[in-house]
C-alpha atoms as a PDB file:
ATOM      1  CA  MET A   1       0.058   0.092  -0.053  1.00  0.00           C
ATOM      2  CA  HIS A   2       2.772   2.274   0.816  1.00  0.00           C
ATOM      3  CA  TRP A   3       4.078   2.287  -3.110  1.00  0.00           C
ATOM      4  CA  PHE A   4       0.358   3.112  -3.929  1.00  0.00           C
ATOM      5  CA  TYR A   5       0.394   6.222  -1.434  1.00  0.00           C
ATOM      6  CA  LEU A   6       3.774   7.505  -2.915  1.00  0.00           C
ATOM      7  CA  LEU A   7       2.273   7.147  -6.694  1.00  0.00           C
ATOM      8  CA  ILE A   8      -0.698   9.134  -5.579  1.00  0.00           C
ATOM      9  CA  ALA A   9       1.197  11.706  -3.916  1.00  0.00           C
ATOM     10  CA  ILE A  10       3.508  11.951  -6.990  1.00  0.00           C
ATOM     11  CA  ILE A  11       0.452  12.586  -9.505  1.00  0.00           C
ATOM     12  CA  CYS A  12      -1.229  14.897  -6.930  1.00  0.00           C
ATOM     13  CA  GLU A  13       2.230  16.839  -6.728  1.00  0.00           C
ATOM     14  CA  VAL A  14       2.364  17.026 -10.744  1.00  0.00           C
ATOM     15  CA  CYS A  15      -1.393  18.118 -10.892  1.00  0.00           C
ATOM     16  CA  GLY A  16      -0.588  20.926  -8.222  1.00  0.00           C
ATOM     17  CA  THR A  17       2.383  22.231 -10.315  1.00  0.00           C
ATOM     18  CA  THR A  18       0.391  21.932 -13.619  1.00  0.00           C
ATOM     19  CA  SER A  19      -2.295  23.943 -11.389  1.00  0.00           C
ATOM     20  CA  MET A  20       0.573  26.595 -10.942  1.00  0.00           C
ATOM     21  CA  LYS A  21       1.404  27.140 -14.697  1.00  0.00           C
ATOM     22  CA  LEU A  22      -2.331  27.273 -15.223  1.00  0.00           C
ATOM     23  CA  SER A  23      -3.308  29.884 -12.426  1.00  0.00           C
ATOM     24  CA  ASN A  24      -1.409  32.495 -14.427  1.00  0.00           C
ATOM     25  CA  GLY A  25       0.366  33.825 -11.073  1.00  0.00           C
ATOM     26  CA  PHE A  26      -3.043  33.640  -9.027  1.00  0.00           C
ATOM     27  CA  ALA A  27      -5.254  35.164 -11.923  1.00  0.00           C
ATOM     28  CA  ASN A  28      -7.283  32.112 -12.380  1.00  0.00           C
ATOM     29  CA  LEU A  29      -9.452  31.231  -9.613  1.00  0.00           C
ATOM     30  CA  LEU A  30      -9.923  27.389 -10.274  1.00  0.00           C
ATOM     31  CA  PRO A  31      -6.321  26.494 -10.995  1.00  0.00           C
ATOM     32  CA  SER A  32      -5.376  28.642  -7.673  1.00  0.00           C
ATOM     33  CA  VAL A  33      -7.576  26.900  -5.482  1.00  0.00           C
ATOM     34  CA  LEU A  34      -6.497  23.363  -7.042  1.00  0.00           C
ATOM     35  CA  ILE A  35      -2.883  24.055  -6.434  1.00  0.00           C
ATOM     36  CA  PHE A  36      -3.324  24.000  -2.607  1.00  0.00           C
ATOM     37  CA  VAL A  37      -5.935  20.859  -2.834  1.00  0.00           C
ATOM     38  CA  PHE A  38      -3.498  19.020  -4.849  1.00  0.00           C
ATOM     39  CA  TYR A  39      -0.355  19.815  -2.668  1.00  0.00           C
ATOM     40  CA  ALA A  40      -2.227  19.203   0.576  1.00  0.00           C
ATOM     41  CA  LEU A  41      -3.267  15.762  -0.853  1.00  0.00           C
ATOM     42  CA  SER A  42       0.568  15.305  -1.959  1.00  0.00           C
ATOM     43  CA  PHE A  43       1.923  16.020   1.470  1.00  0.00           C
ATOM     44  CA  THR A  44      -0.739  13.589   2.869  1.00  0.00           C
ATOM     45  CA  PHE A  45      -0.178  10.619   0.876  1.00  0.00           C
ATOM     46  CA  VAL A  46       3.671  11.033   0.826  1.00  0.00           C
ATOM     47  CA  THR A  47       3.359  11.050   5.004  1.00  0.00           C
ATOM     48  CA  LEU A  48       1.449   7.784   4.523  1.00  0.00           C
ATOM     49  CA  ALA A  49       3.843   6.290   2.460  1.00  0.00           C
ATOM     50  CA  LEU A  50       6.566   7.514   4.847  1.00  0.00           C
ATOM     51  CA  LYS A  51       5.363   5.201   7.619  1.00  0.00           C
ATOM     52  CA  THR A  52       6.851   2.248   5.847  1.00  0.00           C
ATOM     53  CA  LEU A  53       9.195   3.455   3.031  1.00  0.00           C
ATOM     54  CA  PRO A  54      12.628   5.208   3.963  1.00  0.00           C
ATOM     55  CA  VAL A  55      12.661   9.039   4.039  1.00  0.00           C
ATOM     56  CA  GLY A  56      15.448   9.451   1.725  1.00  0.00           C
ATOM     57  CA  LEU A  57      14.538   7.040  -0.943  1.00  0.00           C
ATOM     58  CA  THR A  58      10.889   8.223  -0.529  1.00  0.00           C
ATOM     59  CA  TYR A  59      11.847  11.845  -1.551  1.00  0.00           C
ATOM     60  CA  ALA A  60      14.178  11.122  -4.121  1.00  0.00           C
ATOM     61  CA  ILE A  61      11.393   9.261  -6.025  1.00  0.00           C
ATOM     62  CA  TRP A  62       8.835  11.742  -5.194  1.00  0.00           C
ATOM     63  CA  SER A  63      10.823  14.645  -6.501  1.00  0.00           C
ATOM     64  CA  ALA A  64      12.764  12.688  -9.431  1.00  0.00           C
ATOM     65  CA  LEU A  65       9.395  11.395 -10.810  1.00  0.00           C
ATOM     66  CA  GLY A  66       7.436  14.527 -10.196  1.00  0.00           C
ATOM     67  CA  THR A  67      10.309  16.327 -11.897  1.00  0.00           C
ATOM     68  CA  ALA A  68      10.425  14.037 -15.154  1.00  0.00           C
ATOM     69  CA  LEU A  69       6.499  14.086 -15.316  1.00  0.00           C
ATOM     70  CA  ILE A  70       6.062  17.862 -15.090  1.00  0.00           C
ATOM     71  CA  THR A  71       8.988  18.161 -17.629  1.00  0.00           C
ATOM     72  CA  ALA A  72       7.233  16.056 -20.136  1.00  0.00           C
ATOM     73  CA  ILE A  73       4.025  17.994 -19.487  1.00  0.00           C
ATOM     74  CA  GLY A  74       5.806  21.154 -19.950  1.00  0.00           C
ATOM     75  CA  VAL A  75       7.131  19.870 -23.262  1.00  0.00           C
ATOM     76  CA  LEU A  76       4.111  17.934 -24.636  1.00  0.00           C
ATOM     77  CA  TRP A  77       1.374  20.456 -23.246  1.00  0.00           C
ATOM     78  CA  PHE A  78       2.932  23.932 -22.730  1.00  0.00           C
ATOM     79  CA  GLY A  79       5.287  23.649 -26.052  1.00  0.00           C
ATOM     80  CA  GLU A  80       8.390  24.021 -23.911  1.00  0.00           C
ATOM     81  CA  GLY A  81      11.467  22.987 -25.392  1.00  0.00           C
ATOM     82  CA  MET A  82      13.287  19.823 -25.310  1.00  0.00           C
ATOM     83  CA  ASN A  83      16.987  19.259 -26.041  1.00  0.00           C
ATOM     84  CA  THR A  84      19.790  16.919 -25.552  1.00  0.00           C
ATOM     85  CA  LEU A  85      21.008  17.849 -22.183  1.00  0.00           C
ATOM     86  CA  LYS A  86      17.710  18.264 -20.634  1.00  0.00           C
ATOM     87  CA  LEU A  87      17.124  14.825 -21.898  1.00  0.00           C
ATOM     88  CA  VAL A  88      20.390  13.596 -20.169  1.00  0.00           C
ATOM     89  CA  SER A  89      19.744  15.681 -16.952  1.00  0.00           C
ATOM     90  CA  LEU A  90      16.281  13.779 -16.686  1.00  0.00           C
ATOM     91  CA  LEU A  91      17.930  10.346 -17.181  1.00  0.00           C
ATOM     92  CA  LEU A  92      20.691  11.397 -14.716  1.00  0.00           C
ATOM     93  CA  ILE A  93      18.102  11.986 -12.159  1.00  0.00           C
ATOM     94  CA  ILE A  94      16.399   8.843 -12.730  1.00  0.00           C
ATOM     95  CA  LEU A  95      19.722   6.872 -12.552  1.00  0.00           C
ATOM     96  CA  GLY A  96      20.363   8.741  -8.983  1.00  0.00           C
ATOM     97  CA  VAL A  97      17.128   7.375  -7.743  1.00  0.00           C
ATOM     98  CA  ALA A  98      17.580   3.905  -9.074  1.00  0.00           C
ATOM     99  CA  GLY A  99      20.988   4.124  -7.354  1.00  0.00           C
ATOM    100  CA  LEU A 100      19.340   4.950  -4.117  1.00  0.00           C
ATOM    101  CA  GLN A 101      17.010   1.950  -4.183  1.00  0.00           C
ATOM    102  CA  PHE A 102      19.963  -0.394  -4.884  1.00  0.00           C
ATOM    103  CA  SER A 103      21.864   1.010  -1.973  1.00  0.00           C
ATOM    104  CA  GLN A 104      18.942   0.567   0.061  1.00  0.00           C
ATOM    105  CA  GLN A 105      18.622  -3.047  -0.958  1.00  0.00           C
ATOM    106  CA  HIS A 106      22.490  -3.396  -0.538  1.00  0.00           C
ATOM    107  CA  LEU A 107      22.083  -2.462   3.105  1.00  0.00           C
ATOM    108  CA  LYS A 108      19.632  -5.052   4.068  1.00  0.00           C
END
């Protein structure tokens, strides 16, 4: 269940960040309200995930997958550019999280 909570936390965080963009600096009411709703849900679910998962690994996965997903949304939905350096940087973040996961298994 803890991995499910983390997945929901990531999705809510990405929705909250997307709402930030859509709020146009708090000029649009609904996306502005949704920022707080989604971030409250995200923090709630990441807290539930932390009951079982290690904090370093949890935060790394939460932030890395959130970063990767919000970058994809930026490129696909908001027309932000993608280049080789951005792609390689995202892959390094993902590799870093994988390394943290493997280090947790090695410590056991």
